[in-house]
Every structure is written in structure tokens, then in C-alpha cells.
Amino acid sequence: MDLSVKSPENITFMIDQISEKLRMLNIGAIKGDAFDEEMYEDLKYLYEMVMRKDSFSPSEMQAIAEELGALRK
């Protein structure tokens, strides 16, 4: 998958991967179509940061969830 291309499919992929990696309980609440392509670079940065780490503290998970909320339309 070429994440350098801004597309709704890539947004959905990154959101799904972040949700899976963080084992978020309410995955259905975060959908790719809720994010604007204008925020793509910020979302990609968050995705890359999440994928690099193996585990997260509760405060880190909270901060990531808040950032996802801020990036939504």
C-alpha cells in the first residue's frame, strides 16, 4: 500500500491499523470516512508513530485517542 498517496482508502487503512494496534474497544466509532484528506499528513504521522511502538501506556493511548478525535471532520 502506497501511503504517500492521499486517498480515502489509505485513510481507512491507517485508521483500521491504529485501532487494531491499540486494541481499541470501540473500533466502530472511528471510521475512515470521518477524516478529511486535508488532515492526511497529520494522520500519517500519527499512524507511523503508533506502528513504531510495541506497547502504550494508558496516558499515551488517551493522547492518541484525543489526537484522532481532533483530526476528525
PDB file of N, CA and C in Angstrom:
ATOM      1  N   MET A   1       0.849  -1.169   0.000  1.00  0.00           N
ATOM      2  CA  MET A   1       0.000   0.000   0.000  1.00  0.00           C
ATOM      3  C   MET A   1       0.901   1.241   0.000  1.00  0.00           C
ATOM      4  N   ASP A   2       0.615   2.165  -0.878  1.00  0.00           N
ATOM      5  CA  ASP A   2       1.407   3.386  -1.008  1.00  0.00           C
ATOM      6  C   ASP A   2       0.742   4.500  -0.210  1.00  0.00           C
ATOM      7  N   LEU A   3       1.224   4.715   1.005  1.00  0.00           N
ATOM      8  CA  LEU A   3       0.615   5.712   1.878  1.00  0.00           C
ATOM      9  C   LEU A   3       1.034   7.130   1.542  1.00  0.00           C
ATOM     10  N   SER A   4       1.895   7.282   0.541  1.00  0.00           N
ATOM     11  CA  SER A   4       2.262   8.635   0.128  1.00  0.00           C
ATOM     12  C   SER A   4       1.151   9.279  -0.703  1.00  0.00           C
ATOM     13  N   VAL A   5       0.182   8.475  -1.127  1.00  0.00           N
ATOM     14  CA  VAL A   5      -0.947   8.954  -1.920  1.00  0.00           C
ATOM     15  C   VAL A   5      -2.128   9.234  -0.999  1.00  0.00           C
ATOM     16  N   LYS A   6      -2.635  10.451  -1.048  1.00  0.00           N
ATOM     17  CA  LYS A   6      -3.807  10.809  -0.242  1.00  0.00           C
ATOM     18  C   LYS A   6      -5.044  10.205  -0.885  1.00  0.00           C
ATOM     19  N   SER A   7      -5.673   9.286  -0.163  1.00  0.00           N
ATOM     20  CA  SER A   7      -6.898   8.684  -0.684  1.00  0.00           C
ATOM     21  C   SER A   7      -7.766   8.220   0.479  1.00  0.00           C
ATOM     22  N   PRO A   8      -9.064   8.146   0.260  1.00  0.00           N
ATOM     23  CA  PRO A   8      -9.955   7.637   1.311  1.00  0.00           C
ATOM     24  C   PRO A   8      -9.599   6.209   1.732  1.00  0.00           C
ATOM     25  N   GLU A   9      -9.141   5.402   0.788  1.00  0.00           N
ATOM     26  CA  GLU A   9      -8.758   4.027   1.101  1.00  0.00           C
ATOM     27  C   GLU A   9      -7.568   3.991   2.051  1.00  0.00           C
ATOM     28  N   ASN A  10      -6.585   4.865   1.818  1.00  0.00           N
ATOM     29  CA  ASN A  10      -5.417   4.917   2.690  1.00  0.00           C
ATOM     30  C   ASN A  10      -5.787   5.421   4.074  1.00  0.00           C
ATOM     31  N   ILE A  11      -6.688   6.380   4.141  1.00  0.00           N
ATOM     32  CA  ILE A  11      -7.154   6.880   5.432  1.00  0.00           C
ATOM     33  C   ILE A  11      -7.819   5.751   6.212  1.00  0.00           C
ATOM     34  N   THR A  12      -8.702   5.022   5.551  1.00  0.00           N
ATOM     35  CA  THR A  12      -9.381   3.902   6.199  1.00  0.00           C
ATOM     36  C   THR A  12      -8.380   2.856   6.662  1.00  0.00           C
ATOM     37  N   PHE A  13      -7.399   2.546   5.827  1.00  0.00           N
ATOM     38  CA  PHE A  13      -6.370   1.572   6.183  1.00  0.00           C
ATOM     39  C   PHE A  13      -5.623   2.011   7.444  1.00  0.00           C
ATOM     40  N   MET A  14      -5.180   3.271   7.484  1.00  0.00           N
ATOM     41  CA  MET A  14      -4.413   3.747   8.637  1.00  0.00           C
ATOM     42  C   MET A  14      -5.252   3.734   9.911  1.00  0.00           C
ATOM     43  N   ILE A  15      -6.507   4.157   9.815  1.00  0.00           N
ATOM     44  CA  ILE A  15      -7.397   4.152  10.989  1.00  0.00           C
ATOM     45  C   ILE A  15      -7.601   2.729  11.486  1.00  0.00           C
ATOM     46  N   ASP A  16      -7.832   1.802  10.561  1.00  0.00           N
ATOM     47  CA  ASP A  16      -8.023   0.400  10.950  1.00  0.00           C
ATOM     48  C   ASP A  16      -6.775  -0.155  11.635  1.00  0.00           C
ATOM     49  N   GLN A  17      -5.610   0.153  11.094  1.00  0.00           N
ATOM     50  CA  GLN A  17      -4.362  -0.342  11.667  1.00  0.00           C
ATOM     51  C   GLN A  17      -4.098   0.257  13.048  1.00  0.00           C
ATOM     52  N   ILE A  18      -4.356   1.545  13.211  1.00  0.00           N
ATOM     53  CA  ILE A  18      -4.187   2.193  14.519  1.00  0.00           C
ATOM     54  C   ILE A  18      -5.134   1.556  15.530  1.00  0.00           C
ATOM     55  N   SER A  19      -6.387   1.382  15.146  1.00  0.00           N
ATOM     56  CA  SER A  19      -7.384   0.787  16.044  1.00  0.00           C
ATOM     57  C   SER A  19      -6.977  -0.621  16.454  1.00  0.00           C
ATOM     58  N   GLU A  20      -6.494  -1.395  15.493  1.00  0.00           N
ATOM     59  CA  GLU A  20      -6.086  -2.766  15.774  1.00  0.00           C
ATOM     60  C   GLU A  20      -4.859  -2.800  16.686  1.00  0.00           C
ATOM     61  N   LYS A  21      -3.893  -1.968  16.400  1.00  0.00           N
ATOM     62  CA  LYS A  21      -2.658  -1.947  17.195  1.00  0.00           C
ATOM     63  C   LYS A  21      -2.944  -1.523  18.631  1.00  0.00           C
ATOM     64  N   LEU A  22      -3.832  -0.575  18.812  1.00  0.00           N
ATOM     65  CA  LEU A  22      -4.154  -0.096  20.154  1.00  0.00           C
ATOM     66  C   LEU A  22      -5.214  -0.949  20.841  1.00  0.00           C
ATOM     67  N   ARG A  23      -5.773  -1.889  20.094  1.00  0.00           N
ATOM     68  CA  ARG A  23      -6.843  -2.757  20.608  1.00  0.00           C
ATOM     69  C   ARG A  23      -7.984  -1.924  21.174  1.00  0.00           C
ATOM     70  N   MET A  24      -8.361  -0.908  20.409  1.00  0.00           N
ATOM     71  CA  MET A  24      -9.453  -0.039  20.844  1.00  0.00           C
ATOM     72  C   MET A  24     -10.753  -0.827  20.871  1.00  0.00           C
ATOM     73  N   LEU A  25     -11.487  -0.683  21.942  1.00  0.00           N
ATOM     74  CA  LEU A  25     -12.724  -1.441  22.104  1.00  0.00           C
ATOM     75  C   LEU A  25     -13.830  -0.937  21.195  1.00  0.00           C
ATOM     76  N   ASN A  26     -13.862   0.346  20.936  1.00  0.00           N
ATOM     77  CA  ASN A  26     -14.946   0.931  20.158  1.00  0.00           C
ATOM     78  C   ASN A  26     -14.454   1.282  18.759  1.00  0.00           C
ATOM     79  N   ILE A  27     -13.993   0.271  18.035  1.00  0.00           N
ATOM     80  CA  ILE A  27     -13.434   0.488  16.700  1.00  0.00           C
ATOM     81  C   ILE A  27     -14.482   1.087  15.767  1.00  0.00           C
ATOM     82  N   GLY A  28     -15.728   0.693  15.921  1.00  0.00           N
ATOM     83  CA  GLY A  28     -16.788   1.187  15.051  1.00  0.00           C
ATOM     84  C   GLY A  28     -16.991   2.693  15.142  1.00  0.00           C
ATOM     85  N   ALA A  29     -16.573   3.287  16.245  1.00  0.00           N
ATOM     86  CA  ALA A  29     -16.754   4.725  16.414  1.00  0.00           C
ATOM     87  C   ALA A  29     -15.766   5.530  15.583  1.00  0.00           C
ATOM     88  N   ILE A  30     -14.694   4.880  15.159  1.00  0.00           N
ATOM     89  CA  ILE A  30     -13.675   5.573  14.367  1.00  0.00           C
ATOM     90  C   ILE A  30     -13.709   4.992  12.958  1.00  0.00           C
ATOM     91  N   LYS A  31     -14.207   5.758  12.035  1.00  0.00           N
ATOM     92  CA  LYS A  31     -14.297   5.311  10.645  1.00  0.00           C
ATOM     93  C   LYS A  31     -13.461   6.222   9.766  1.00  0.00           C
ATOM     94  N   GLY A  32     -12.883   5.647   8.737  1.00  0.00           N
ATOM     95  CA  GLY A  32     -12.028   6.405   7.837  1.00  0.00           C
ATOM     96  C   GLY A  32     -12.721   7.563   7.157  1.00  0.00           C
ATOM     97  N   ASP A  33     -14.020   7.424   6.879  1.00  0.00           N
ATOM     98  CA  ASP A  33     -14.728   8.494   6.177  1.00  0.00           C
ATOM     99  C   ASP A  33     -15.000   9.705   7.075  1.00  0.00           C
ATOM    100  N   ALA A  34     -14.663   9.592   8.354  1.00  0.00           N
ATOM    101  CA  ALA A  34     -14.825  10.719   9.275  1.00  0.00           C
ATOM    102  C   ALA A  34     -13.625  11.661   9.248  1.00  0.00           C
ATOM    103  N   PHE A  35     -12.632  11.322   8.432  1.00  0.00           N
ATOM    104  CA  PHE A  35     -11.410  12.117   8.364  1.00  0.00           C
ATOM    105  C   PHE A  35     -11.291  12.786   7.005  1.00  0.00           C
ATOM    106  N   ASP A  36     -10.860  14.028   7.019  1.00  0.00           N
ATOM    107  CA  ASP A  36     -10.703  14.821   5.815  1.00  0.00           C
ATOM    108  C   ASP A  36      -9.306  14.611   5.238  1.00  0.00           C
ATOM    109  N   GLU A  37      -9.200  14.577   3.927  1.00  0.00           N
ATOM    110  CA  GLU A  37      -7.895  14.403   3.293  1.00  0.00           C
ATOM    111  C   GLU A  37      -6.953  15.563   3.597  1.00  0.00           C
ATOM    112  N   GLU A  38      -7.476  16.707   4.013  1.00  0.00           N
ATOM    113  CA  GLU A  38      -6.621  17.836   4.379  1.00  0.00           C
ATOM    114  C   GLU A  38      -5.771  17.504   5.604  1.00  0.00           C
ATOM    115  N   MET A  39      -6.238  16.588   6.432  1.00  0.00           N
ATOM    116  CA  MET A  39      -5.509  16.186   7.642  1.00  0.00           C
ATOM    117  C   MET A  39      -4.670  14.929   7.398  1.00  0.00           C
ATOM    118  N   TYR A  40      -4.497  14.554   6.152  1.00  0.00           N
ATOM    119  CA  TYR A  40      -3.830  13.301   5.798  1.00  0.00           C
ATOM    120  C   TYR A  40      -2.423  13.208   6.382  1.00  0.00           C
ATOM    121  N   GLU A  41      -1.626  14.250   6.241  1.00  0.00           N
ATOM    122  CA  GLU A  41      -0.242  14.206   6.711  1.00  0.00           C
ATOM    123  C   GLU A  41      -0.177  14.029   8.229  1.00  0.00           C
ATOM    124  N   ASP A  42      -1.065  14.688   8.954  1.00  0.00           N
ATOM    125  CA  ASP A  42      -1.102  14.530  10.406  1.00  0.00           C
ATOM    126  C   ASP A  42      -1.495  13.108  10.787  1.00  0.00           C
ATOM    127  N   LEU A  43      -2.475  12.560  10.084  1.00  0.00           N
ATOM    128  CA  LEU A  43      -2.906  11.192  10.342  1.00  0.00           C
ATOM    129  C   LEU A  43      -1.783  10.217  10.009  1.00  0.00           C
ATOM    130  N   LYS A  44      -1.091  10.448   8.910  1.00  0.00           N
ATOM    131  CA  LYS A  44       0.017   9.569   8.512  1.00  0.00           C
ATOM    132  C   LYS A  44       1.131   9.607   9.558  1.00  0.00           C
ATOM    133  N   TYR A  45       1.430  10.786  10.070  1.00  0.00           N
ATOM    134  CA  TYR A  45       2.446  10.910  11.115  1.00  0.00           C
ATOM    135  C   TYR A  45       2.031  10.111  12.358  1.00  0.00           C
ATOM    136  N   LEU A  46       0.771  10.240  12.767  1.00  0.00           N
ATOM    137  CA  LEU A  46       0.263   9.511  13.921  1.00  0.00           C
ATOM    138  C   LEU A  46       0.324   8.006  13.668  1.00  0.00           C
ATOM    139  N   TYR A  47      -0.080   7.588  12.483  1.00  0.00           N
ATOM    140  CA  TYR A  47      -0.028   6.175  12.098  1.00  0.00           C
ATOM    141  C   TYR A  47       1.400   5.637  12.207  1.00  0.00           C
ATOM    142  N   GLU A  48       2.365   6.350  11.653  1.00  0.00           N
ATOM    143  CA  GLU A  48       3.758   5.892  11.674  1.00  0.00           C
ATOM    144  C   GLU A  48       4.278   5.809  13.107  1.00  0.00           C
ATOM    145  N   MET A  49       3.915   6.757  13.944  1.00  0.00           N
ATOM    146  CA  MET A  49       4.339   6.742  15.336  1.00  0.00           C
ATOM    147  C   MET A  49       3.752   5.531  16.065  1.00  0.00           C
ATOM    148  N   VAL A  50       2.482   5.264  15.848  1.00  0.00           N
ATOM    149  CA  VAL A  50       1.832   4.131  16.507  1.00  0.00           C
ATOM    150  C   VAL A  50       2.440   2.813  16.036  1.00  0.00           C
ATOM    151  N   MET A  51       2.719   2.697  14.752  1.00  0.00           N
ATOM    152  CA  MET A  51       3.254   1.443  14.218  1.00  0.00           C
ATOM    153  C   MET A  51       4.678   1.166  14.701  1.00  0.00           C
ATOM    154  N   ARG A  52       5.423   2.193  15.070  1.00  0.00           N
ATOM    155  CA  ARG A  52       6.800   2.008  15.539  1.00  0.00           C
ATOM    156  C   ARG A  52       6.871   1.429  16.945  1.00  0.00           C
ATOM    157  N   LYS A  53       5.868   1.707  17.776  1.00  0.00           N
ATOM    158  CA  LYS A  53       5.908   1.290  19.178  1.00  0.00           C
ATOM    159  C   LYS A  53       5.271  -0.080  19.373  1.00  0.00           C
ATOM    160  N   ASP A  54       5.803  -0.804  20.357  1.00  0.00           N
ATOM    161  CA  ASP A  54       5.258  -2.123  20.662  1.00  0.00           C
ATOM    162  C   ASP A  54       4.159  -2.085  21.716  1.00  0.00           C
ATOM    163  N   SER A  55       4.256  -1.117  22.628  1.00  0.00           N
ATOM    164  CA  SER A  55       3.242  -1.023  23.674  1.00  0.00           C
ATOM    165  C   SER A  55       3.025   0.444  24.043  1.00  0.00           C
ATOM    166  N   PHE A  56       1.897   0.687  24.689  1.00  0.00           N
ATOM    167  CA  PHE A  56       1.498   2.053  25.024  1.00  0.00           C
ATOM    168  C   PHE A  56       1.010   2.114  26.456  1.00  0.00           C
ATOM    169  N   SER A  57       1.362   3.188  27.130  1.00  0.00           N
ATOM    170  CA  SER A  57       0.832   3.408  28.474  1.00  0.00           C
ATOM    171  C   SER A  57      -0.603   3.904  28.333  1.00  0.00           C
ATOM    172  N   PRO A  58      -1.367   3.819  29.402  1.00  0.00           N
ATOM    173  CA  PRO A  58      -2.739   4.349  29.337  1.00  0.00           C
ATOM    174  C   PRO A  58      -2.776   5.825  28.941  1.00  0.00           C
ATOM    175  N   SER A  59      -1.837   6.612  29.433  1.00  0.00           N
ATOM    176  CA  SER A  59      -1.843   8.039  29.086  1.00  0.00           C
ATOM    177  C   SER A  59      -1.498   8.248  27.610  1.00  0.00           C
ATOM    178  N   GLU A  60      -0.619   7.408  27.062  1.00  0.00           N
ATOM    179  CA  GLU A  60      -0.310   7.506  25.628  1.00  0.00           C
ATOM    180  C   GLU A  60      -1.528   7.134  24.790  1.00  0.00           C
ATOM    181  N   MET A  61      -2.235   6.092  25.205  1.00  0.00           N
ATOM    182  CA  MET A  61      -3.443   5.683  24.473  1.00  0.00           C
ATOM    183  C   MET A  61      -4.488   6.790  24.509  1.00  0.00           C
ATOM    184  N   GLN A  62      -4.618   7.440  25.653  1.00  0.00           N
ATOM    185  CA  GLN A  62      -5.561   8.547  25.782  1.00  0.00           C
ATOM    186  C   GLN A  62      -5.171   9.693  24.853  1.00  0.00           C
ATOM    187  N   ALA A  63      -3.883  10.012  24.810  1.00  0.00           N
ATOM    188  CA  ALA A  63      -3.403  11.096  23.954  1.00  0.00           C
ATOM    189  C   ALA A  63      -3.628  10.772  22.479  1.00  0.00           C
ATOM    190  N   ILE A  64      -3.412   9.532  22.090  1.00  0.00           N
ATOM    191  CA  ILE A  64      -3.627   9.121  20.694  1.00  0.00           C
ATOM    192  C   ILE A  64      -5.112   9.216  20.357  1.00  0.00           C
ATOM    193  N   ALA A  65      -5.966   8.756  21.257  1.00  0.00           N
ATOM    194  CA  ALA A  65      -7.413   8.841  21.026  1.00  0.00           C
ATOM    195  C   ALA A  65      -7.855  10.296  20.908  1.00  0.00           C
ATOM    196  N   GLU A  66      -7.292  11.165  21.728  1.00  0.00           N
ATOM    197  CA  GLU A  66      -7.632  12.594  21.648  1.00  0.00           C
ATOM    198  C   GLU A  66      -7.154  13.191  20.329  1.00  0.00           C
ATOM    199  N   GLU A  67      -5.986  12.797  19.889  1.00  0.00           N
ATOM    200  CA  GLU A  67      -5.465  13.307  18.611  1.00  0.00           C
ATOM    201  C   GLU A  67      -6.327  12.835  17.447  1.00  0.00           C
ATOM    202  N   LEU A  68      -6.748  11.575  17.484  1.00  0.00           N
ATOM    203  CA  LEU A  68      -7.657  11.078  16.439  1.00  0.00           C
ATOM    204  C   LEU A  68      -8.946  11.886  16.446  1.00  0.00           C
ATOM    205  N   GLY A  69      -9.454  12.182  17.625  1.00  0.00           N
ATOM    206  CA  GLY A  69     -10.669  12.980  17.728  1.00  0.00           C
ATOM    207  C   GLY A  69     -10.473  14.378  17.149  1.00  0.00           C
ATOM    208  N   ALA A  70      -9.301  14.951  17.374  1.00  0.00           N
ATOM    209  CA  ALA A  70      -9.019  16.302  16.860  1.00  0.00           C
ATOM    210  C   ALA A  70      -8.880  16.302  15.337  1.00  0.00           C
ATOM    211  N   LEU A  71      -8.471  15.187  14.763  1.00  0.00           N
ATOM    212  CA  LEU A  71      -8.267  15.116  13.307  1.00  0.00           C
ATOM    213  C   LEU A  71      -9.556  14.847  12.539  1.00  0.00           C
ATOM    214  N   ARG A  72     -10.612  14.456  13.246  1.00  0.00           N
ATOM    215  CA  ARG A  72     -11.882  14.155  12.567  1.00  0.00           C
ATOM    216  C   ARG A  72     -12.498  15.414  11.995  1.00  0.00           C
ATOM    217  N   LYS A  73     -13.344  15.209  10.975  1.00  0.00           N
ATOM    218  CA  LYS A  73     -14.049  16.333  10.321  1.00  0.00           C
ATOM    219  C   LYS A  73     -14.929  17.057  11.314  1.00  0.00           C
TER     220      LYS A  73
END
